[in-house]
C-alpha atoms as a PDB file:
ATOM      1  CA  MET A   1    -138.356 -71.767-104.975  1.00  0.00           C
ATOM      2  CA  ILE A   2    -141.556 -70.670-106.858  1.00  0.00           C
ATOM      3  CA  GLY A   3    -141.888 -66.776-106.271  1.00  0.00           C
ATOM      4  CA  HIS A   4    -138.367 -66.428-104.943  1.00  0.00           C
ATOM      5  CA  THR A   5    -136.409 -63.678-106.655  1.00  0.00           C
ATOM      6  CA  ALA A   6    -132.545 -64.136-106.751  1.00  0.00           C
ATOM      7  CA  VAL A   7    -130.211 -61.277-107.973  1.00  0.00           C
ATOM      8  CA  ILE A   8    -126.989 -62.543-109.437  1.00  0.00           C
ATOM      9  CA  ILE A   9    -124.268 -59.874-109.651  1.00  0.00           C
ATOM     10  CA  GLY A  10    -121.568 -61.064-112.242  1.00  0.00           C
ATOM     11  CA  GLY A  11    -124.291 -63.330-113.773  1.00  0.00           C
ATOM     12  CA  THR A  12    -122.626 -63.333-117.048  1.00  0.00           C
ATOM     13  CA  GLY A  13    -119.542 -65.087-115.755  1.00  0.00           C
ATOM     14  CA  GLY A  14    -118.844 -68.696-115.828  1.00  0.00           C
ATOM     15  CA  ILE A  15    -119.954 -69.373-112.042  1.00  0.00           C
ATOM     16  CA  GLY A  16    -122.418 -66.599-112.365  1.00  0.00           C
ATOM     17  CA  GLN A  17    -124.223 -68.184-115.321  1.00  0.00           C
ATOM     18  CA  ALA A  18    -124.285 -71.616-113.521  1.00  0.00           C
ATOM     19  CA  ILE A  19    -125.941 -69.868-110.441  1.00  0.00           C
ATOM     20  CA  CYS A  20    -128.533 -68.294-112.692  1.00  0.00           C
ATOM     21  CA  LYS A  21    -129.410 -71.516-114.313  1.00  0.00           C
ATOM     22  CA  LYS A  22    -129.640 -73.486-110.979  1.00  0.00           C
ATOM     23  CA  PHE A  23    -132.227 -70.895-109.662  1.00  0.00           C
ATOM     24  CA  VAL A  24    -134.341 -71.170-112.787  1.00  0.00           C
ATOM     25  CA  GLN A  25    -134.239 -74.950-112.578  1.00  0.00           C
ATOM     26  CA  GLN A  26    -135.807 -74.481-109.001  1.00  0.00           C
ATOM     27  CA  GLY A  27    -138.571 -72.164-110.280  1.00  0.00           C
ATOM     28  CA  ALA A  28    -137.188 -68.979-109.001  1.00  0.00           C
ATOM     29  CA  ASN A  29    -137.244 -65.538-110.659  1.00  0.00           C
ATOM     30  CA  VAL A  30    -133.747 -64.453-111.720  1.00  0.00           C
ATOM     31  CA  VAL A  31    -132.239 -60.996-112.193  1.00  0.00           C
ATOM     32  CA  VAL A  32    -129.058 -61.390-114.228  1.00  0.00           C
ATOM     33  CA  CYS A  33    -126.570 -58.418-113.964  1.00  0.00           C
ATOM     34  CA  GLY A  34    -123.451 -58.090-115.893  1.00  0.00           C
ATOM     35  CA  ARG A  35    -121.457 -55.942-118.435  1.00  0.00           C
ATOM     36  CA  ASN A  36    -121.313 -58.135-121.337  1.00  0.00           C
ATOM     37  CA  THR A  37    -124.365 -57.297-123.363  1.00  0.00           C
ATOM     38  CA  GLU A  38    -123.850 -60.153-125.960  1.00  0.00           C
ATOM     39  CA  ILE A  39    -123.868 -62.710-123.015  1.00  0.00           C
ATOM     40  CA  LEU A  40    -126.868 -61.058-121.403  1.00  0.00           C
ATOM     41  CA  ASP A  41    -128.780 -61.538-124.727  1.00  0.00           C
ATOM     42  CA  SER A  42    -127.773 -65.117-125.007  1.00  0.00           C
ATOM     43  CA  MET A  43    -128.754 -65.792-121.504  1.00  0.00           C
ATOM     44  CA  LYS A  44    -132.192 -64.230-122.126  1.00  0.00           C
ATOM     45  CA  ARG A  45    -132.905 -66.571-124.746  1.00  0.00           C
ATOM     46  CA  GLU A  46    -131.432 -69.665-122.762  1.00  0.00           C
ATOM     47  CA  LEU A  47    -133.096 -68.949-119.413  1.00  0.00           C
ATOM     48  CA  GLY A  48    -136.438 -68.227-121.479  1.00  0.00           C
ATOM     49  CA  GLU A  49    -136.284 -71.784-122.868  1.00  0.00           C
ATOM     50  CA  MET A  50    -135.368 -73.300-119.505  1.00  0.00           C
ATOM     51  CA  ALA A  51    -138.227 -71.489-117.752  1.00  0.00           C
ATOM     52  CA  LYS A  52    -140.745 -72.941-120.485  1.00  0.00           C
ATOM     53  CA  ASN A  53    -139.536 -76.467-119.653  1.00  0.00           C
ATOM     54  CA  CYS A  54    -139.378 -76.029-115.783  1.00  0.00           C
ATOM     55  CA  GLU A  55    -142.970 -76.812-114.993  1.00  0.00           C
ATOM     56  CA  ARG A  56    -142.479 -74.909-111.787  1.00  0.00           C
ATOM     57  CA  GLY A  57    -144.913 -72.013-111.922  1.00  0.00           C
ATOM     58  CA  VAL A  58    -144.543 -68.806-113.819  1.00  0.00           C
ATOM     59  CA  GLN A  59    -141.180 -67.240-113.888  1.00  0.00           C
ATOM     60  CA  ARG A  60    -140.111 -63.591-114.751  1.00  0.00           C
ATOM     61  CA  HIS A  61    -136.501 -62.990-115.452  1.00  0.00           C
ATOM     62  CA  MET A  62    -134.745 -59.644-115.792  1.00  0.00           C
ATOM     63  CA  PHE A  63    -131.503 -58.801-117.538  1.00  0.00           C
ATOM     64  CA  ALA A  64    -129.617 -55.661-116.568  1.00  0.00           C
ATOM     65  CA  ARG A  65    -126.285 -54.299-117.782  1.00  0.00           C
ATOM     66  CA  CYS A  66    -124.626 -52.733-114.823  1.00  0.00           C
ATOM     67  CA  ASN A  67    -121.160 -51.154-114.078  1.00  0.00           C
ATOM     68  CA  LEU A  68    -120.534 -51.963-110.466  1.00  0.00           C
ATOM     69  CA  GLU A  69    -117.936 -49.175-110.349  1.00  0.00           C
ATOM     70  CA  GLU A  70    -120.865 -46.773-110.672  1.00  0.00           C
ATOM     71  CA  VAL A  71    -122.798 -46.901-107.291  1.00  0.00           C
ATOM     72  CA  ASP A  72    -125.692 -45.044-108.872  1.00  0.00           C
ATOM     73  CA  GLU A  73    -126.311 -47.786-111.255  1.00  0.00           C
ATOM     74  CA  ILE A  74    -126.652 -50.284-108.333  1.00  0.00           C
ATOM     75  CA  ARG A  75    -129.191 -48.058-106.794  1.00  0.00           C
ATOM     76  CA  ASN A  76    -131.006 -47.778-109.951  1.00  0.00           C
ATOM     77  CA  LEU A  77    -130.893 -51.511-110.304  1.00  0.00           C
ATOM     78  CA  VAL A  78    -132.600 -51.917-106.909  1.00  0.00           C
ATOM     79  CA  LYS A  79    -135.387 -49.460-107.926  1.00  0.00           C
ATOM     80  CA  SER A  80    -135.995 -51.122-111.183  1.00  0.00           C
ATOM     81  CA  ILE A  81    -136.269 -54.586-109.312  1.00  0.00           C
ATOM     82  CA  ASN A  82    -138.685 -53.161-106.920  1.00  0.00           C
ATOM     83  CA  THR A  83    -140.751 -52.012-109.884  1.00  0.00           C
ATOM     84  CA  ASN A  84    -140.982 -55.547-111.248  1.00  0.00           C
ATOM     85  CA  TYR A  85    -140.983 -57.753-108.199  1.00  0.00           C
ATOM     86  CA  SER A  86    -142.724 -57.682-104.801  1.00  0.00           C
ATOM     87  CA  SER A  87    -139.464 -58.427-103.029  1.00  0.00           C
ATOM     88  CA  ILE A  88    -135.947 -59.558-103.295  1.00  0.00           C
ATOM     89  CA  ASP A  89    -135.013 -62.829-101.575  1.00  0.00           C
ATOM     90  CA  THR A  90    -131.326 -63.526-102.500  1.00  0.00           C
ATOM     91  CA  LEU A  91    -128.303 -61.382-103.607  1.00  0.00           C
ATOM     92  CA  VAL A  92    -125.361 -63.315-104.980  1.00  0.00           C
ATOM     93  CA  ASN A  93    -122.071 -61.095-105.398  1.00  0.00           C
ATOM     94  CA  ALA A  94    -120.318 -63.376-108.084  1.00  0.00           C
ATOM     95  CA  ALA A  95    -118.487 -60.616-110.022  1.00  0.00           C
ATOM     96  CA  GLY A  96    -114.630 -60.972-109.919  1.00  0.00           C
ATOM     97  CA  ILE A  97    -111.394 -60.769-111.781  1.00  0.00           C
ATOM     98  CA  SER A  98    -107.995 -62.094-111.265  1.00  0.00           C
ATOM     99  CA  ILE A  99    -104.628 -60.848-112.312  1.00  0.00           C
ATOM    100  CA  ASN A 100    -101.766 -63.378-111.877  1.00  0.00           C
ATOM    101  CA  SER A 101     -98.414 -61.641-111.295  1.00  0.00           C
ATOM    102  CA  LEU A 102     -95.780 -61.221-108.593  1.00  0.00           C
ATOM    103  CA  LEU A 103     -96.634 -58.306-106.533  1.00  0.00           C
ATOM    104  CA  ILE A 104     -93.376 -56.406-107.456  1.00  0.00           C
ATOM    105  CA  LYS A 105     -94.466 -56.708-111.166  1.00  0.00           C
ATOM    106  CA  THR A 106     -98.105 -55.604-110.558  1.00  0.00           C
ATOM    107  CA  THR A 107     -98.940 -51.862-111.616  1.00  0.00           C
ATOM    108  CA  ASP A 108    -100.949 -49.637-109.253  1.00  0.00           C
ATOM    109  CA  GLU A 109    -103.620 -49.568-111.890  1.00  0.00           C
ATOM    110  CA  LYS A 110    -103.987 -53.517-111.816  1.00  0.00           C
ATOM    111  CA  ILE A 111    -103.926 -53.431-108.068  1.00  0.00           C
ATOM    112  CA  GLU A 112    -106.797 -50.896-107.779  1.00  0.00           C
ATOM    113  CA  LYS A 113    -108.811 -52.640-110.492  1.00  0.00           C
ATOM    114  CA  VAL A 114    -108.849 -55.910-108.605  1.00  0.00           C
ATOM    115  CA  LEU A 115    -109.642 -54.342-105.355  1.00  0.00           C
ATOM    116  CA  ARG A 116    -112.493 -52.309-106.849  1.00  0.00           C
ATOM    117  CA  THR A 117    -113.895 -55.179-108.876  1.00  0.00           C
ATOM    118  CA  ASN A 118    -113.623 -57.941-106.267  1.00  0.00           C
ATOM    119  CA  LEU A 119    -113.894 -56.196-102.891  1.00  0.00           C
ATOM    120  CA  ILE A 120    -115.237 -52.629-103.090  1.00  0.00           C
ATOM    121  CA  SER A 121    -118.050 -53.589-105.299  1.00  0.00           C
ATOM    122  CA  THR A 122    -119.130 -56.433-103.036  1.00  0.00           C
ATOM    123  CA  ILE A 123    -119.258 -54.004-100.122  1.00  0.00           C
ATOM    124  CA  GLN A 124    -121.108 -51.349-101.957  1.00  0.00           C
ATOM    125  CA  THR A 125    -123.621 -53.777-103.445  1.00  0.00           C
ATOM    126  CA  SER A 126    -124.201 -55.455-100.139  1.00  0.00           C
ATOM    127  CA  LYS A 127    -124.820 -52.056 -98.547  1.00  0.00           C
ATOM    128  CA  ILE A 128    -127.347 -50.854-100.967  1.00  0.00           C
ATOM    129  CA  PHE A 129    -129.269 -54.208-100.872  1.00  0.00           C
ATOM    130  CA  ALA A 130    -129.056 -54.544 -97.187  1.00  0.00           C
ATOM    131  CA  LYS A 131    -131.150 -51.339 -96.868  1.00  0.00           C
ATOM    132  CA  GLN A 132    -133.809 -53.069 -98.975  1.00  0.00           C
ATOM    133  CA  PHE A 133    -133.607 -56.236 -96.928  1.00  0.00           C
ATOM    134  CA  ILE A 134    -133.974 -54.178 -93.752  1.00  0.00           C
ATOM    135  CA  LYS A 135    -137.184 -52.730 -95.141  1.00  0.00           C
ATOM    136  CA  GLN A 136    -138.396 -56.208 -95.924  1.00  0.00           C
ATOM    137  CA  LYS A 137    -137.394 -57.632 -92.598  1.00  0.00           C
ATOM    138  CA  ASN A 138    -135.686 -60.560 -94.329  1.00  0.00           C
ATOM    139  CA  GLY A 139    -133.167 -61.379 -97.150  1.00  0.00           C
ATOM    140  CA  ASN A 140    -129.857 -63.152 -97.688  1.00  0.00           C
ATOM    141  CA  ILE A 141    -126.604 -62.341 -99.339  1.00  0.00           C
ATOM    142  CA  ILE A 142    -124.137 -64.935-100.590  1.00  0.00           C
ATOM    143  CA  ASN A 143    -120.707 -63.651-101.432  1.00  0.00           C
ATOM    144  CA  ILE A 144    -118.253 -65.555-103.813  1.00  0.00           C
ATOM    145  CA  SER A 145    -114.762 -65.446-102.371  1.00  0.00           C
ATOM    146  CA  SER A 146    -111.894 -68.043-103.080  1.00  0.00           C
ATOM    147  CA  ILE A 147    -109.855 -70.614-101.502  1.00  0.00           C
ATOM    148  CA  VAL A 148    -106.868 -68.254-102.326  1.00  0.00           C
ATOM    149  CA  GLY A 149    -108.431 -65.829 -99.931  1.00  0.00           C
ATOM    150  CA  GLN A 150    -107.955 -68.302 -97.100  1.00  0.00           C
ATOM    151  CA  HIS A 151    -104.574 -69.794 -97.998  1.00  0.00           C
ATOM    152  CA  GLY A 152    -102.825 -67.444-100.404  1.00  0.00           C
ATOM    153  CA  ASN A 153    -101.106 -68.368-103.540  1.00  0.00           C
ATOM    154  CA  VAL A 154     -97.831 -67.463-105.413  1.00  0.00           C
ATOM    155  CA  GLY A 155     -98.611 -64.861-107.982  1.00  0.00           C
ATOM    156  CA  GLN A 156    -101.914 -63.955-106.609  1.00  0.00           C
ATOM    157  CA  THR A 157    -101.142 -61.516-103.714  1.00  0.00           C
ATOM    158  CA  VAL A 158    -103.669 -58.790-104.740  1.00  0.00           C
ATOM    159  CA  TYR A 159    -106.439 -61.274-105.732  1.00  0.00           C
ATOM    160  CA  ALA A 160    -105.969 -63.136-102.326  1.00  0.00           C
ATOM    161  CA  ALA A 161    -106.205 -59.778-100.413  1.00  0.00           C
ATOM    162  CA  SER A 162    -109.460 -58.803-102.259  1.00  0.00           C
ATOM    163  CA  LYS A 163    -110.949 -62.366-101.507  1.00  0.00           C
ATOM    164  CA  ALA A 164    -109.686 -62.463 -98.010  1.00  0.00           C
ATOM    165  CA  GLY A 165    -111.484 -59.007 -97.604  1.00  0.00           C
ATOM    166  CA  ILE A 166    -114.868 -60.471 -98.671  1.00  0.00           C
ATOM    167  CA  ILE A 167    -114.496 -63.212 -95.942  1.00  0.00           C
ATOM    168  CA  GLY A 168    -113.836 -60.681 -93.121  1.00  0.00           C
ATOM    169  CA  PHE A 169    -116.567 -58.277 -94.383  1.00  0.00           C
ATOM    170  CA  SER A 170    -119.164 -61.034 -94.682  1.00  0.00           C
ATOM    171  CA  LYS A 171    -118.343 -62.281 -91.198  1.00  0.00           C
ATOM    172  CA  ALA A 172    -118.800 -58.880 -89.695  1.00  0.00           C
ATOM    173  CA  LEU A 173    -121.959 -58.101 -91.687  1.00  0.00           C
ATOM    174  CA  ALA A 174    -123.558 -61.325 -90.711  1.00  0.00           C
ATOM    175  CA  LYS A 175    -123.211 -60.071 -87.092  1.00  0.00           C
ATOM    176  CA  GLU A 176    -124.611 -56.698 -87.967  1.00  0.00           C
ATOM    177  CA  LEU A 177    -127.624 -57.969 -89.924  1.00  0.00           C
ATOM    178  CA  GLY A 178    -128.407 -61.279 -88.066  1.00  0.00           C
ATOM    179  CA  PRO A 179    -130.789 -59.531 -85.550  1.00  0.00           C
ATOM    180  CA  LYS A 180    -132.738 -58.140 -88.394  1.00  0.00           C
ATOM    181  CA  ASN A 181    -133.378 -61.651 -89.926  1.00  0.00           C
ATOM    182  CA  ILE A 182    -130.800 -61.142 -92.811  1.00  0.00           C
ATOM    183  CA  ARG A 183    -128.318 -63.884 -93.445  1.00  0.00           C
ATOM    184  CA  ILE A 184    -124.815 -63.447 -94.944  1.00  0.00           C
ATOM    185  CA  ASN A 185    -122.749 -66.312 -96.127  1.00  0.00           C
ATOM    186  CA  VAL A 186    -119.656 -66.898 -98.192  1.00  0.00           C
ATOM    187  CA  ILE A 187    -118.484 -69.615-100.640  1.00  0.00           C
ATOM    188  CA  CYS A 188    -114.679 -70.065-101.340  1.00  0.00           C
ATOM    189  CA  PRO A 189    -114.487 -72.058-104.573  1.00  0.00           C
ATOM    190  CA  GLY A 190    -111.143 -73.926-105.295  1.00  0.00           C
ATOM    191  CA  LEU A 191    -110.005 -74.307-108.839  1.00  0.00           C
ATOM    192  CA  ILE A 192    -113.061 -74.049-110.971  1.00  0.00           C
ATOM    193  CA  LYS A 193    -113.135 -74.498-114.821  1.00  0.00           C
ATOM    194  CA  THR A 194    -114.078 -70.912-116.094  1.00  0.00           C
ATOM    195  CA  ASN A 195    -112.676 -68.463-118.525  1.00  0.00           C
ATOM    196  CA  MET A 196    -110.802 -66.891-115.686  1.00  0.00           C
ATOM    197  CA  THR A 197    -108.948 -70.010-114.839  1.00  0.00           C
ATOM    198  CA  THR A 198    -108.504 -71.237-118.450  1.00  0.00           C
ATOM    199  CA  GLY A 199    -104.581 -70.303-118.313  1.00  0.00           C
ATOM    200  CA  PHE A 200    -103.832 -73.029-115.671  1.00  0.00           C
ATOM    201  CA  VAL A 201    -106.875 -75.361-115.975  1.00  0.00           C
ATOM    202  CA  GLU A 202    -106.619 -76.841-119.539  1.00  0.00           C
ATOM    203  CA  ASN A 203    -104.089 -79.638-119.221  1.00  0.00           C
ATOM    204  CA  ASN A 204    -102.343 -77.586-116.481  1.00  0.00           C
ATOM    205  CA  ASN A 205    -100.765 -75.578-119.026  1.00  0.00           C
ATOM    206  CA  PRO A 206    -100.366 -71.826-119.049  1.00  0.00           C
ATOM    207  CA  ASP A 207    -102.667 -69.722-121.393  1.00  0.00           C
ATOM    208  CA  GLU A 208    -101.019 -69.132-124.777  1.00  0.00           C
ATOM    209  CA  SER A 209    -102.507 -65.682-124.804  1.00  0.00           C
ATOM    210  CA  TYR A 210     -99.910 -64.591-122.197  1.00  0.00           C
ATOM    211  CA  THR A 211     -96.784 -63.398-123.968  1.00  0.00           C
ATOM    212  CA  ASN A 212     -95.071 -62.534-120.883  1.00  0.00           C
ATOM    213  CA  PRO A 213     -92.713 -65.640-119.785  1.00  0.00           C
ATOM    214  CA  ILE A 214     -93.090 -64.550-116.112  1.00  0.00           C
ATOM    215  CA  GLU A 215     -96.975 -64.627-116.350  1.00  0.00           C
ATOM    216  CA  ASN A 216     -96.867 -68.054-118.062  1.00  0.00           C
ATOM    217  CA  GLN A 217     -94.500 -69.418-115.415  1.00  0.00           C
ATOM    218  CA  ILE A 218     -96.774 -68.232-112.588  1.00  0.00           C
ATOM    219  CA  ASN A 219     -99.930 -69.559-114.197  1.00  0.00           C
ATOM    220  CA  SER A 220     -98.249 -72.928-114.523  1.00  0.00           C
ATOM    221  CA  GLN A 221     -97.069 -72.886-111.070  1.00  0.00           C
ATOM    222  CA  ILE A 222    -100.406 -71.890-109.569  1.00  0.00           C
ATOM    223  CA  GLY A 223    -102.322 -74.661-111.680  1.00  0.00           C
ATOM    224  CA  SER A 224     -99.794 -77.278-110.378  1.00  0.00           C
ATOM    225  CA  GLU A 225    -100.008 -76.236-106.673  1.00  0.00           C
ATOM    226  CA  MET A 226    -103.750 -76.020-106.687  1.00  0.00           C
ATOM    227  CA  LEU A 227    -104.234 -79.318-108.522  1.00  0.00           C
ATOM    228  CA  ASN A 228    -102.029 -81.114-106.018  1.00  0.00           C
ATOM    229  CA  GLN A 229    -104.049 -79.930-103.130  1.00  0.00           C
ATOM    230  CA  ILE A 230    -107.503 -81.120-104.544  1.00  0.00           C
ATOM    231  CA  ILE A 231    -108.527 -84.301-102.632  1.00  0.00           C
ATOM    232  CA  LEU A 232    -110.809 -85.339-105.191  1.00  0.00           C
ATOM    233  CA  LYS A 233    -108.244 -85.060-107.879  1.00  0.00           C
ATOM    234  CA  ARG A 234    -110.500 -83.289-110.315  1.00  0.00           C
ATOM    235  CA  ILE A 235    -111.101 -79.707-111.250  1.00  0.00           C
ATOM    236  CA  GLY A 236    -114.430 -78.169-110.026  1.00  0.00           C
ATOM    237  CA  LEU A 237    -117.127 -77.109-112.377  1.00  0.00           C
ATOM    238  CA  PRO A 238    -119.400 -73.922-112.022  1.00  0.00           C
ATOM    239  CA  GLU A 239    -122.353 -76.184-111.370  1.00  0.00           C
ATOM    240  CA  ASP A 240    -120.610 -77.413-108.187  1.00  0.00           C
ATOM    241  CA  VAL A 241    -120.524 -73.952-106.869  1.00  0.00           C
ATOM    242  CA  ALA A 242    -124.015 -73.303-107.895  1.00  0.00           C
ATOM    243  CA  GLU A 243    -125.212 -76.214-105.733  1.00  0.00           C
ATOM    244  CA  GLY A 244    -123.581 -74.662-102.670  1.00  0.00           C
ATOM    245  CA  VAL A 245    -125.196 -71.180-103.478  1.00  0.00           C
ATOM    246  CA  LEU A 246    -128.598 -72.881-103.797  1.00  0.00           C
ATOM    247  CA  TYR A 247    -128.109 -74.566-100.336  1.00  0.00           C
ATOM    248  CA  LEU A 248    -127.210 -71.374 -98.683  1.00  0.00           C
ATOM    249  CA  ALA A 249    -130.174 -69.606-100.238  1.00  0.00           C
ATOM    250  CA  LYS A 250    -132.574 -72.268 -98.634  1.00  0.00           C
ATOM    251  CA  ALA A 251    -130.797 -72.738 -95.322  1.00  0.00           C
ATOM    252  CA  GLU A 252    -132.771 -70.270 -93.053  1.00  0.00           C
ATOM    253  CA  TYR A 253    -130.699 -71.067 -90.011  1.00  0.00           C
ATOM    254  CA  VAL A 254    -127.082 -70.622 -91.488  1.00  0.00           C
ATOM    255  CA  THR A 255    -125.403 -67.336 -91.386  1.00  0.00           C
ATOM    256  CA  GLY A 256    -121.854 -66.096 -91.045  1.00  0.00           C
ATOM    257  CA  SER A 257    -120.576 -69.428 -92.666  1.00  0.00           C
ATOM    258  CA  VAL A 258    -117.571 -69.670 -94.921  1.00  0.00           C
ATOM    259  CA  SER A 259    -117.613 -72.899 -97.065  1.00  0.00           C
END
């Protein structure tokens, strides 16, 4: 993938970091976008060292702090990327948050935050980058949804709605942009070991940081139900998701898929 430029939105998260590293290992240029400045600085050092040892040509990486709720910041990001690279090949929308609580206990503010972060930002970012891809007459977008968006889960109603929305949006966008040689695909991870799932991944125990007994109970129930449904009987790793993203970035005859 020498010369390939991949933009990873949410690149400072657990899955996002793994995706960034996977592209670097393949010799691609990576644009890491996130809100955590400390993690961005750490990744700058780590990816720089990886690039030195990669032996897959010269790589140029870019690190950008970006607030996805500000559409102008996304537009400015594209302008900045165009200044530094000849083209953009892949966009990965990996930013996301989860709030685990029963719907009747979920505040309006939390509902809006989950929908803005997970769904609206994916739509807005895809819209802005799609214009760039149309100019280039090629490109591909990989959106990270969730198995919860397909099957639902107790205590994750709003999260499920946001992730299901990503699936429907991506399928429709694939039909809109396919004739323009632009591919859109979705990955729906199951239970993956990240900071976001720590509450019900570690030993299948609720996160001790939750002081609300209802939230603790919900986290425990979510973890138990998801673990019971895993055929391989192990929790997935961010690297497992990154492998799927890499495949879709290369698969030039795959679009509209949900995997």
